[in-house]
mmCIF file of all heavy atoms, coordinates in Angstrom:
data_MODEL
# 
_entry.id   MODEL 
# 
loop_
_atom_site.group_PDB 
_atom_site.id 
_atom_site.type_symbol 
_atom_site.label_atom_id 
_atom_site.label_alt_id 
_atom_site.label_comp_id 
_atom_site.label_asym_id 
_atom_site.label_entity_id 
_atom_site.label_seq_id 
_atom_site.pdbx_PDB_ins_code 
_atom_site.Cartn_x 
_atom_site.Cartn_y 
_atom_site.Cartn_z 
_atom_site.occupancy 
_atom_site.B_iso_or_equiv 
_atom_site.pdbx_formal_charge 
_atom_site.auth_seq_id 
_atom_site.auth_comp_id 
_atom_site.auth_asym_id 
_atom_site.auth_atom_id 
_atom_site.pdbx_PDB_model_num 
ATOM 1   N N   . THR A 1 1  ? 45.261 108.910 100.233 1.00 0.00 ? 1  THR A N   1 
ATOM 2   C CA  . THR A 1 1  ? 45.628 108.163 101.433 1.00 0.00 ? 1  THR A CA  1 
ATOM 3   C C   . THR A 1 1  ? 44.469 107.648 102.291 1.00 0.00 ? 1  THR A C   1 
ATOM 4   O O   . THR A 1 1  ? 44.507 106.465 102.623 1.00 0.00 ? 1  THR A O   1 
ATOM 5   C CB  . THR A 1 1  ? 46.492 109.149 102.351 1.00 0.00 ? 1  THR A CB  1 
ATOM 6   O OG1 . THR A 1 1  ? 47.567 109.602 101.624 1.00 0.00 ? 1  THR A OG1 1 
ATOM 7   C CG2 . THR A 1 1  ? 46.962 108.396 103.569 1.00 0.00 ? 1  THR A CG2 1 
ATOM 8   N N   . ASP A 1 2  ? 43.477 108.457 102.610 1.00 0.00 ? 2  ASP A N   1 
ATOM 9   C CA  . ASP A 1 2  ? 42.612 108.167 103.705 1.00 0.00 ? 2  ASP A CA  1 
ATOM 10  C C   . ASP A 1 2  ? 41.898 106.836 103.584 1.00 0.00 ? 2  ASP A C   1 
ATOM 11  O O   . ASP A 1 2  ? 41.971 105.994 104.479 1.00 0.00 ? 2  ASP A O   1 
ATOM 12  C CB  . ASP A 1 2  ? 41.566 109.301 103.824 1.00 0.00 ? 2  ASP A CB  1 
ATOM 13  C CG  . ASP A 1 2  ? 40.945 109.338 105.186 1.00 0.00 ? 2  ASP A CG  1 
ATOM 14  O OD1 . ASP A 1 2  ? 41.636 109.595 106.183 1.00 0.00 ? 2  ASP A OD1 1 
ATOM 15  O OD2 . ASP A 1 2  ? 39.717 109.128 105.284 1.00 0.00 ? 2  ASP A OD2 1 
ATOM 16  N N   . ASN A 1 3  ? 41.166 106.617 102.488 1.00 0.00 ? 3  ASN A N   1 
ATOM 17  C CA  . ASN A 1 3  ? 40.395 105.371 102.374 1.00 0.00 ? 3  ASN A CA  1 
ATOM 18  C C   . ASN A 1 3  ? 41.296 104.140 102.328 1.00 0.00 ? 3  ASN A C   1 
ATOM 19  O O   . ASN A 1 3  ? 41.014 103.148 102.946 1.00 0.00 ? 3  ASN A O   1 
ATOM 20  C CB  . ASN A 1 3  ? 39.527 105.426 101.143 1.00 0.00 ? 3  ASN A CB  1 
ATOM 21  C CG  . ASN A 1 3  ? 38.309 106.357 101.297 1.00 0.00 ? 3  ASN A CG  1 
ATOM 22  O OD1 . ASN A 1 3  ? 37.847 106.563 102.393 1.00 0.00 ? 3  ASN A OD1 1 
ATOM 23  N ND2 . ASN A 1 3  ? 37.813 106.886 100.206 1.00 0.00 ? 3  ASN A ND2 1 
ATOM 24  N N   . THR A 1 4  ? 42.414 104.243 101.561 1.00 0.00 ? 4  THR A N   1 
ATOM 25  C CA  . THR A 1 4  ? 43.333 103.121 101.473 1.00 0.00 ? 4  THR A CA  1 
ATOM 26  C C   . THR A 1 4  ? 43.980 102.861 102.819 1.00 0.00 ? 4  THR A C   1 
ATOM 27  O O   . THR A 1 4  ? 44.132 101.671 103.213 1.00 0.00 ? 4  THR A O   1 
ATOM 28  C CB  . THR A 1 4  ? 44.428 103.426 100.420 1.00 0.00 ? 4  THR A CB  1 
ATOM 29  O OG1 . THR A 1 4  ? 43.837 103.667 99.176  1.00 0.00 ? 4  THR A OG1 1 
ATOM 30  C CG2 . THR A 1 4  ? 45.362 102.230 100.318 1.00 0.00 ? 4  THR A CG2 1 
ATOM 31  N N   . ALA A 1 5  ? 44.347 103.888 103.552 1.00 0.00 ? 5  ALA A N   1 
ATOM 32  C CA  . ALA A 1 5  ? 44.998 103.680 104.856 1.00 0.00 ? 5  ALA A CA  1 
ATOM 33  C C   . ALA A 1 5  ? 44.068 102.947 105.821 1.00 0.00 ? 5  ALA A C   1 
ATOM 34  O O   . ALA A 1 5  ? 44.487 101.991 106.508 1.00 0.00 ? 5  ALA A O   1 
ATOM 35  C CB  . ALA A 1 5  ? 45.362 105.058 105.433 1.00 0.00 ? 5  ALA A CB  1 
ATOM 36  N N   . HIS A 1 6  ? 42.803 103.362 105.855 1.00 0.00 ? 6  HIS A N   1 
ATOM 37  C CA  . HIS A 1 6  ? 41.852 102.674 106.753 1.00 0.00 ? 6  HIS A CA  1 
ATOM 38  C C   . HIS A 1 6  ? 41.610 101.263 106.257 1.00 0.00 ? 6  HIS A C   1 
ATOM 39  O O   . HIS A 1 6  ? 41.386 100.346 107.102 1.00 0.00 ? 6  HIS A O   1 
ATOM 40  C CB  . HIS A 1 6  ? 40.543 103.471 106.860 1.00 0.00 ? 6  HIS A CB  1 
ATOM 41  C CG  . HIS A 1 6  ? 40.690 104.695 107.703 1.00 0.00 ? 6  HIS A CG  1 
ATOM 42  N ND1 . HIS A 1 6  ? 40.850 104.641 109.045 1.00 0.00 ? 6  HIS A ND1 1 
ATOM 43  C CD2 . HIS A 1 6  ? 40.696 106.032 107.340 1.00 0.00 ? 6  HIS A CD2 1 
ATOM 44  C CE1 . HIS A 1 6  ? 40.966 105.866 109.559 1.00 0.00 ? 6  HIS A CE1 1 
ATOM 45  N NE2 . HIS A 1 6  ? 40.837 106.754 108.500 1.00 0.00 ? 6  HIS A NE2 1 
ATOM 46  N N   . GLY A 1 7  ? 41.621 101.046 104.947 1.00 0.00 ? 7  GLY A N   1 
ATOM 47  C CA  . GLY A 1 7  ? 41.503 99.692  104.427 1.00 0.00 ? 7  GLY A CA  1 
ATOM 48  C C   . GLY A 1 7  ? 42.653 98.799  104.855 1.00 0.00 ? 7  GLY A C   1 
ATOM 49  O O   . GLY A 1 7  ? 42.489 97.668  105.272 1.00 0.00 ? 7  GLY A O   1 
ATOM 50  N N   . ILE A 1 8  ? 43.884 99.310  104.702 1.00 0.00 ? 8  ILE A N   1 
ATOM 51  C CA  . ILE A 1 8  ? 45.076 98.540  105.141 1.00 0.00 ? 8  ILE A CA  1 
ATOM 52  C C   . ILE A 1 8  ? 44.977 98.223  106.633 1.00 0.00 ? 8  ILE A C   1 
ATOM 53  O O   . ILE A 1 8  ? 45.176 97.066  107.059 1.00 0.00 ? 8  ILE A O   1 
ATOM 54  C CB  . ILE A 1 8  ? 46.343 99.388  104.881 1.00 0.00 ? 8  ILE A CB  1 
ATOM 55  C CG1 . ILE A 1 8  ? 46.592 99.544  103.405 1.00 0.00 ? 8  ILE A CG1 1 
ATOM 56  C CG2 . ILE A 1 8  ? 47.568 98.722  105.547 1.00 0.00 ? 8  ILE A CG2 1 
ATOM 57  C CD1 . ILE A 1 8  ? 47.690 100.551 103.050 1.00 0.00 ? 8  ILE A CD1 1 
ATOM 58  N N   . ALA A 1 9  ? 44.693 99.240  107.456 1.00 0.00 ? 9  ALA A N   1 
ATOM 59  C CA  . ALA A 1 9  ? 44.635 99.012  108.898 1.00 0.00 ? 9  ALA A CA  1 
ATOM 60  C C   . ALA A 1 9  ? 43.468 98.066  109.264 1.00 0.00 ? 9  ALA A C   1 
ATOM 61  O O   . ALA A 1 9  ? 43.696 97.209  110.200 1.00 0.00 ? 9  ALA A O   1 
ATOM 62  C CB  . ALA A 1 9  ? 44.434 100.345 109.607 1.00 0.00 ? 9  ALA A CB  1 
ATOM 63  N N   . THR A 1 10 ? 42.376 98.141  108.630 1.00 0.00 ? 10 THR A N   1 
ATOM 64  C CA  . THR A 1 10 ? 41.240 97.278  108.955 1.00 0.00 ? 10 THR A CA  1 
ATOM 65  C C   . THR A 1 10 ? 41.572 95.804  108.648 1.00 0.00 ? 10 THR A C   1 
ATOM 66  O O   . THR A 1 10 ? 41.330 94.907  109.475 1.00 0.00 ? 10 THR A O   1 
ATOM 67  C CB  . THR A 1 10 ? 39.976 97.666  108.139 1.00 0.00 ? 10 THR A CB  1 
ATOM 68  O OG1 . THR A 1 10 ? 39.591 98.986  108.557 1.00 0.00 ? 10 THR A OG1 1 
ATOM 69  C CG2 . THR A 1 10 ? 38.821 96.725  108.417 1.00 0.00 ? 10 THR A CG2 1 
ATOM 70  N N   . VAL A 1 11 ? 42.148 95.579  107.483 1.00 0.00 ? 11 VAL A N   1 
ATOM 71  C CA  . VAL A 1 11 ? 42.468 94.216  107.090 1.00 0.00 ? 11 VAL A CA  1 
ATOM 72  C C   . VAL A 1 11 ? 43.540 93.613  108.016 1.00 0.00 ? 11 VAL A C   1 
ATOM 73  O O   . VAL A 1 11 ? 43.400 92.480  108.490 1.00 0.00 ? 11 VAL A O   1 
ATOM 74  C CB  . VAL A 1 11 ? 42.895 94.147  105.615 1.00 0.00 ? 11 VAL A CB  1 
ATOM 75  C CG1 . VAL A 1 11 ? 43.459 92.743  105.296 1.00 0.00 ? 11 VAL A CG1 1 
ATOM 76  C CG2 . VAL A 1 11 ? 41.744 94.475  104.699 1.00 0.00 ? 11 VAL A CG2 1 
ATOM 77  N N   . ILE A 1 12 ? 44.590 94.392  108.259 1.00 0.00 ? 12 ILE A N   1 
ATOM 78  C CA  . ILE A 1 12 ? 45.630 93.871  109.229 1.00 0.00 ? 12 ILE A CA  1 
ATOM 79  C C   . ILE A 1 12 ? 45.003 93.608  110.591 1.00 0.00 ? 12 ILE A C   1 
ATOM 80  O O   . ILE A 1 12 ? 45.265 92.550  111.195 1.00 0.00 ? 12 ILE A O   1 
ATOM 81  C CB  . ILE A 1 12 ? 46.776 94.924  109.332 1.00 0.00 ? 12 ILE A CB  1 
ATOM 82  C CG1 . ILE A 1 12 ? 47.538 95.039  107.991 1.00 0.00 ? 12 ILE A CG1 1 
ATOM 83  C CG2 . ILE A 1 12 ? 47.712 94.532  110.472 1.00 0.00 ? 12 ILE A CG2 1 
ATOM 84  C CD1 . ILE A 1 12 ? 48.574 96.141  107.973 1.00 0.00 ? 12 ILE A CD1 1 
ATOM 85  N N   . GLY A 1 13 ? 44.214 94.504  111.074 1.00 0.00 ? 13 GLY A N   1 
ATOM 86  C CA  . GLY A 1 13 ? 43.608 94.343  112.385 1.00 0.00 ? 13 GLY A CA  1 
ATOM 87  C C   . GLY A 1 13 ? 42.711 93.111  112.450 1.00 0.00 ? 13 GLY A C   1 
ATOM 88  O O   . GLY A 1 13 ? 42.732 92.371  113.414 1.00 0.00 ? 13 GLY A O   1 
ATOM 89  N N   . ARG A 1 14 ? 41.891 92.921  111.427 1.00 0.00 ? 14 ARG A N   1 
ATOM 90  C CA  . ARG A 1 14 ? 40.964 91.802  111.412 1.00 0.00 ? 14 ARG A CA  1 
ATOM 91  C C   . ARG A 1 14 ? 41.696 90.498  111.311 1.00 0.00 ? 14 ARG A C   1 
ATOM 92  O O   . ARG A 1 14 ? 41.295 89.486  111.936 1.00 0.00 ? 14 ARG A O   1 
ATOM 93  C CB  . ARG A 1 14 ? 39.965 91.913  110.244 1.00 0.00 ? 14 ARG A CB  1 
ATOM 94  C CG  . ARG A 1 14 ? 38.948 93.054  110.377 1.00 0.00 ? 14 ARG A CG  1 
ATOM 95  C CD  . ARG A 1 14 ? 38.159 92.910  111.642 1.00 0.00 ? 14 ARG A CD  1 
ATOM 96  N NE  . ARG A 1 14 ? 37.122 93.969  111.753 1.00 0.00 ? 14 ARG A NE  1 
ATOM 97  C CZ  . ARG A 1 14 ? 36.508 94.267  112.879 1.00 0.00 ? 14 ARG A CZ  1 
ATOM 98  N NH1 . ARG A 1 14 ? 36.805 93.659  114.016 1.00 0.00 ? 14 ARG A NH1 1 
ATOM 99  N NH2 . ARG A 1 14 ? 35.593 95.222  112.914 1.00 0.00 ? 14 ARG A NH2 1 
ATOM 100 N N   . LEU A 1 15 ? 42.760 90.404  110.494 1.00 0.00 ? 15 LEU A N   1 
ATOM 101 C CA  . LEU A 1 15 ? 43.473 89.185  110.374 1.00 0.00 ? 15 LEU A CA  1 
ATOM 102 C C   . LEU A 1 15 ? 44.326 88.888  111.651 1.00 0.00 ? 15 LEU A C   1 
ATOM 103 O O   . LEU A 1 15 ? 44.340 87.786  112.177 1.00 0.00 ? 15 LEU A O   1 
ATOM 104 C CB  . LEU A 1 15 ? 44.416 89.237  109.149 1.00 0.00 ? 15 LEU A CB  1 
ATOM 105 C CG  . LEU A 1 15 ? 43.743 89.230  107.822 1.00 0.00 ? 15 LEU A CG  1 
ATOM 106 C CD1 . LEU A 1 15 ? 44.802 89.389  106.675 1.00 0.00 ? 15 LEU A CD1 1 
ATOM 107 C CD2 . LEU A 1 15 ? 42.949 87.943  107.582 1.00 0.00 ? 15 LEU A CD2 1 
ATOM 108 N N   . ALA A 1 16 ? 45.016 89.921  112.157 1.00 0.00 ? 16 ALA A N   1 
ATOM 109 C CA  . ALA A 1 16 ? 45.900 89.721  113.311 1.00 0.00 ? 16 ALA A CA  1 
ATOM 110 C C   . ALA A 1 16 ? 45.123 89.460  114.576 1.00 0.00 ? 16 ALA A C   1 
ATOM 111 O O   . ALA A 1 16 ? 45.682 88.923  115.563 1.00 0.00 ? 16 ALA A O   1 
ATOM 112 C CB  . ALA A 1 16 ? 46.809 90.946  113.465 1.00 0.00 ? 16 ALA A CB  1 
ATOM 113 N N   . SER A 1 17 ? 43.861 89.875  114.650 1.00 0.00 ? 17 SER A N   1 
ATOM 114 C CA  . SER A 1 17 ? 43.073 89.687  115.858 1.00 0.00 ? 17 SER A CA  1 
ATOM 115 C C   . SER A 1 17 ? 42.602 88.232  116.025 1.00 0.00 ? 17 SER A C   1 
ATOM 116 O O   . SER A 1 17 ? 42.084 87.855  117.036 1.00 0.00 ? 17 SER A O   1 
ATOM 117 C CB  . SER A 1 17 ? 41.869 90.609  115.894 1.00 0.00 ? 17 SER A CB  1 
ATOM 118 O OG  . SER A 1 17 ? 40.969 90.294  114.806 1.00 0.00 ? 17 SER A OG  1 
ATOM 119 N N   . ASP A 1 18 ? 42.782 87.423  114.982 1.00 0.00 ? 18 ASP A N   1 
ATOM 120 C CA  . ASP A 1 18 ? 42.404 86.037  114.997 1.00 0.00 ? 18 ASP A CA  1 
ATOM 121 C C   . ASP A 1 18 ? 43.609 85.179  114.608 1.00 0.00 ? 18 ASP A C   1 
ATOM 122 O O   . ASP A 1 18 ? 43.979 85.196  113.429 1.00 0.00 ? 18 ASP A O   1 
ATOM 123 C CB  . ASP A 1 18 ? 41.211 85.795  114.072 1.00 0.00 ? 18 ASP A CB  1 
ATOM 124 C CG  . ASP A 1 18 ? 40.618 84.345  114.191 1.00 0.00 ? 18 ASP A CG  1 
ATOM 125 O OD1 . ASP A 1 18 ? 41.411 83.421  114.131 1.00 0.00 ? 18 ASP A OD1 1 
ATOM 126 O OD2 . ASP A 1 18 ? 39.389 84.232  114.271 1.00 0.00 ? 18 ASP A OD2 1 
ATOM 127 N N   . ARG A 1 19 ? 44.226 84.514  115.540 1.00 0.00 ? 19 ARG A N   1 
ATOM 128 C CA  . ARG A 1 19 ? 45.449 83.797  115.236 1.00 0.00 ? 19 ARG A CA  1 
ATOM 129 C C   . ARG A 1 19 ? 45.260 82.726  114.161 1.00 0.00 ? 19 ARG A C   1 
ATOM 130 O O   . ARG A 1 19 ? 46.150 82.443  113.381 1.00 0.00 ? 19 ARG A O   1 
ATOM 131 C CB  . ARG A 1 19 ? 46.015 83.183  116.552 1.00 0.00 ? 19 ARG A CB  1 
ATOM 132 C CG  . ARG A 1 19 ? 47.426 82.722  116.392 1.00 0.00 ? 19 ARG A CG  1 
ATOM 133 C CD  . ARG A 1 19 ? 48.398 83.871  116.071 1.00 0.00 ? 19 ARG A CD  1 
ATOM 134 N NE  . ARG A 1 19 ? 49.596 83.459  115.380 1.00 0.00 ? 19 ARG A NE  1 
ATOM 135 C CZ  . ARG A 1 19 ? 50.543 84.301  114.932 1.00 0.00 ? 19 ARG A CZ  1 
ATOM 136 N NH1 . ARG A 1 19 ? 50.385 85.616  115.090 1.00 0.00 ? 19 ARG A NH1 1 
ATOM 137 N NH2 . ARG A 1 19 ? 51.590 83.861  114.290 1.00 0.00 ? 19 ARG A NH2 1 
ATOM 138 N N   . GLN A 1 20 ? 44.078 82.141  114.115 1.00 0.00 ? 20 GLN A N   1 
ATOM 139 C CA  . GLN A 1 20 ? 43.824 81.114  113.107 1.00 0.00 ? 20 GLN A CA  1 
ATOM 140 C C   . GLN A 1 20 ? 43.844 81.703  111.714 1.00 0.00 ? 20 GLN A C   1 
ATOM 141 O O   . GLN A 1 20 ? 44.390 81.147  110.765 1.00 0.00 ? 20 GLN A O   1 
ATOM 142 C CB  . GLN A 1 20 ? 42.498 80.442  113.393 1.00 0.00 ? 20 GLN A CB  1 
ATOM 143 C CG  . GLN A 1 20 ? 42.199 79.262  112.522 1.00 0.00 ? 20 GLN A CG  1 
ATOM 144 C CD  . GLN A 1 20 ? 40.960 78.505  112.915 1.00 0.00 ? 20 GLN A CD  1 
ATOM 145 O OE1 . GLN A 1 20 ? 40.224 78.904  113.776 1.00 0.00 ? 20 GLN A OE1 1 
ATOM 146 N NE2 . GLN A 1 20 ? 40.694 77.376  112.253 1.00 0.00 ? 20 GLN A NE2 1 
ATOM 147 N N   . ARG A 1 21 ? 43.231 82.906  111.560 1.00 0.00 ? 21 ARG A N   1 
ATOM 148 C CA  . ARG A 1 21 ? 43.221 83.586  110.284 1.00 0.00 ? 21 ARG A CA  1 
ATOM 149 C C   . ARG A 1 21 ? 44.644 83.955  109.876 1.00 0.00 ? 21 ARG A C   1 
ATOM 150 O O   . ARG A 1 21 ? 45.031 83.805  108.708 1.00 0.00 ? 21 ARG A O   1 
ATOM 151 C CB  . ARG A 1 21 ? 42.367 84.845  110.320 1.00 0.00 ? 21 ARG A CB  1 
ATOM 152 C CG  . ARG A 1 21 ? 40.921 84.581  110.568 1.00 0.00 ? 21 ARG A CG  1 
ATOM 153 C CD  . ARG A 1 21 ? 40.127 85.934  110.583 1.00 0.00 ? 21 ARG A CD  1 
ATOM 154 N NE  . ARG A 1 21 ? 38.751 85.733  110.948 1.00 0.00 ? 21 ARG A NE  1 
ATOM 155 C CZ  . ARG A 1 21 ? 37.850 86.680  110.999 1.00 0.00 ? 21 ARG A CZ  1 
ATOM 156 N NH1 . ARG A 1 21 ? 38.209 87.956  110.701 1.00 0.00 ? 21 ARG A NH1 1 
ATOM 157 N NH2 . ARG A 1 21 ? 36.609 86.475  111.338 1.00 0.00 ? 21 ARG A NH2 1 
ATOM 158 N N   . TRP A 1 22 ? 45.392 84.489  110.851 1.00 0.00 ? 22 TRP A N   1 
ATOM 159 C CA  . TRP A 1 22 ? 46.792 84.912  110.551 1.00 0.00 ? 22 TRP A CA  1 
ATOM 160 C C   . TRP A 1 22 ? 47.632 83.736  110.122 1.00 0.00 ? 22 TRP A C   1 
ATOM 161 O O   . TRP A 1 22 ? 48.365 83.785  109.153 1.00 0.00 ? 22 TRP A O   1 
ATOM 162 C CB  . TRP A 1 22 ? 47.327 85.555  111.818 1.00 0.00 ? 22 TRP A CB  1 
ATOM 163 C CG  . TRP A 1 22 ? 48.671 86.244  111.658 1.00 0.00 ? 22 TRP A CG  1 
ATOM 164 C CD1 . TRP A 1 22 ? 49.884 85.875  112.040 1.00 0.00 ? 22 TRP A CD1 1 
ATOM 165 C CD2 . TRP A 1 22 ? 48.870 87.562  111.003 1.00 0.00 ? 22 TRP A CD2 1 
ATOM 166 N NE1 . TRP A 1 22 ? 50.847 86.766  111.723 1.00 0.00 ? 22 TRP A NE1 1 
ATOM 167 C CE2 . TRP A 1 22 ? 50.257 87.837  111.093 1.00 0.00 ? 22 TRP A CE2 1 
ATOM 168 C CE3 . TRP A 1 22 ? 48.037 88.464  110.407 1.00 0.00 ? 22 TRP A CE3 1 
ATOM 169 C CZ2 . TRP A 1 22 ? 50.812 89.007  110.590 1.00 0.00 ? 22 TRP A CZ2 1 
ATOM 170 C CZ3 . TRP A 1 22 ? 48.618 89.643  109.867 1.00 0.00 ? 22 TRP A CZ3 1 
ATOM 171 C CH2 . TRP A 1 22 ? 49.969 89.884  109.986 1.00 0.00 ? 22 TRP A CH2 1 
ATOM 172 N N   . GLN A 1 23 ? 47.469 82.601  110.845 1.00 0.00 ? 23 GLN A N   1 
ATOM 173 C CA  . GLN A 1 23 ? 48.274 81.432  110.525 1.00 0.00 ? 23 GLN A CA  1 
ATOM 174 C C   . GLN A 1 23 ? 47.869 80.859  109.141 1.00 0.00 ? 23 GLN A C   1 
ATOM 175 O O   . GLN A 1 23 ? 48.686 80.323  108.411 1.00 0.00 ? 23 GLN A O   1 
ATOM 176 C CB  . GLN A 1 23 ? 48.059 80.339  111.556 1.00 0.00 ? 23 GLN A CB  1 
ATOM 177 C CG  . GLN A 1 23 ? 49.042 79.191  111.470 1.00 0.00 ? 23 GLN A CG  1 
ATOM 178 C CD  . GLN A 1 23 ? 50.498 79.633  111.642 1.00 0.00 ? 23 GLN A CD  1 
ATOM 179 O OE1 . GLN A 1 23 ? 50.800 80.375  112.553 1.00 0.00 ? 23 GLN A OE1 1 
ATOM 180 N NE2 . GLN A 1 23 ? 51.362 79.175  110.777 1.00 0.00 ? 23 GLN A NE2 1 
ATOM 181 N N   . GLN A 1 24 ? 46.588 81.013  108.816 1.00 0.00 ? 24 GLN A N   1 
ATOM 182 C CA  . GLN A 1 24 ? 46.117 80.487  107.494 1.00 0.00 ? 24 GLN A CA  1 
ATOM 183 C C   . GLN A 1 24 ? 46.831 81.209  106.341 1.00 0.00 ? 24 GLN A C   1 
ATOM 184 O O   . GLN A 1 24 ? 47.240 80.538  105.392 1.00 0.00 ? 24 GLN A O   1 
ATOM 185 C CB  . GLN A 1 24 ? 44.605 80.681  107.404 1.00 0.00 ? 24 GLN A CB  1 
ATOM 186 C CG  . GLN A 1 24 ? 43.994 80.074  106.141 1.00 0.00 ? 24 GLN A CG  1 
ATOM 187 C CD  . GLN A 1 24 ? 42.503 80.231  106.072 1.00 0.00 ? 24 GLN A CD  1 
ATOM 188 O OE1 . GLN A 1 24 ? 41.968 81.240  106.471 1.00 0.00 ? 24 GLN A OE1 1 
ATOM 189 N NE2 . GLN A 1 24 ? 41.783 79.208  105.579 1.00 0.00 ? 24 GLN A NE2 1 
ATOM 190 N N   . VAL A 1 25 ? 46.995 82.497  106.447 1.00 0.00 ? 25 VAL A N   1 
ATOM 191 C CA  . VAL A 1 25 ? 47.639 83.162  105.313 1.00 0.00 ? 25 VAL A CA  1 
ATOM 192 C C   . VAL A 1 25 ? 49.179 83.038  105.378 1.00 0.00 ? 25 VAL A C   1 
ATOM 193 O O   . VAL A 1 25 ? 49.880 83.159  104.360 1.00 0.00 ? 25 VAL A O   1 
ATOM 194 C CB  . VAL A 1 25 ? 47.298 84.689  105.262 1.00 0.00 ? 25 VAL A CB  1 
ATOM 195 C CG1 . VAL A 1 25 ? 45.852 84.881  104.803 1.00 0.00 ? 25 VAL A CG1 1 
ATOM 196 C CG2 . VAL A 1 25 ? 47.571 85.387  106.579 1.00 0.00 ? 25 VAL A CG2 1 
# 
């Protein structure tokens, strides 16, 4: 769980924190 969970959360956080990145995907 641990490494994957932090990976999931990091990627979601990084993408969602920038609306342009979120809209791109």
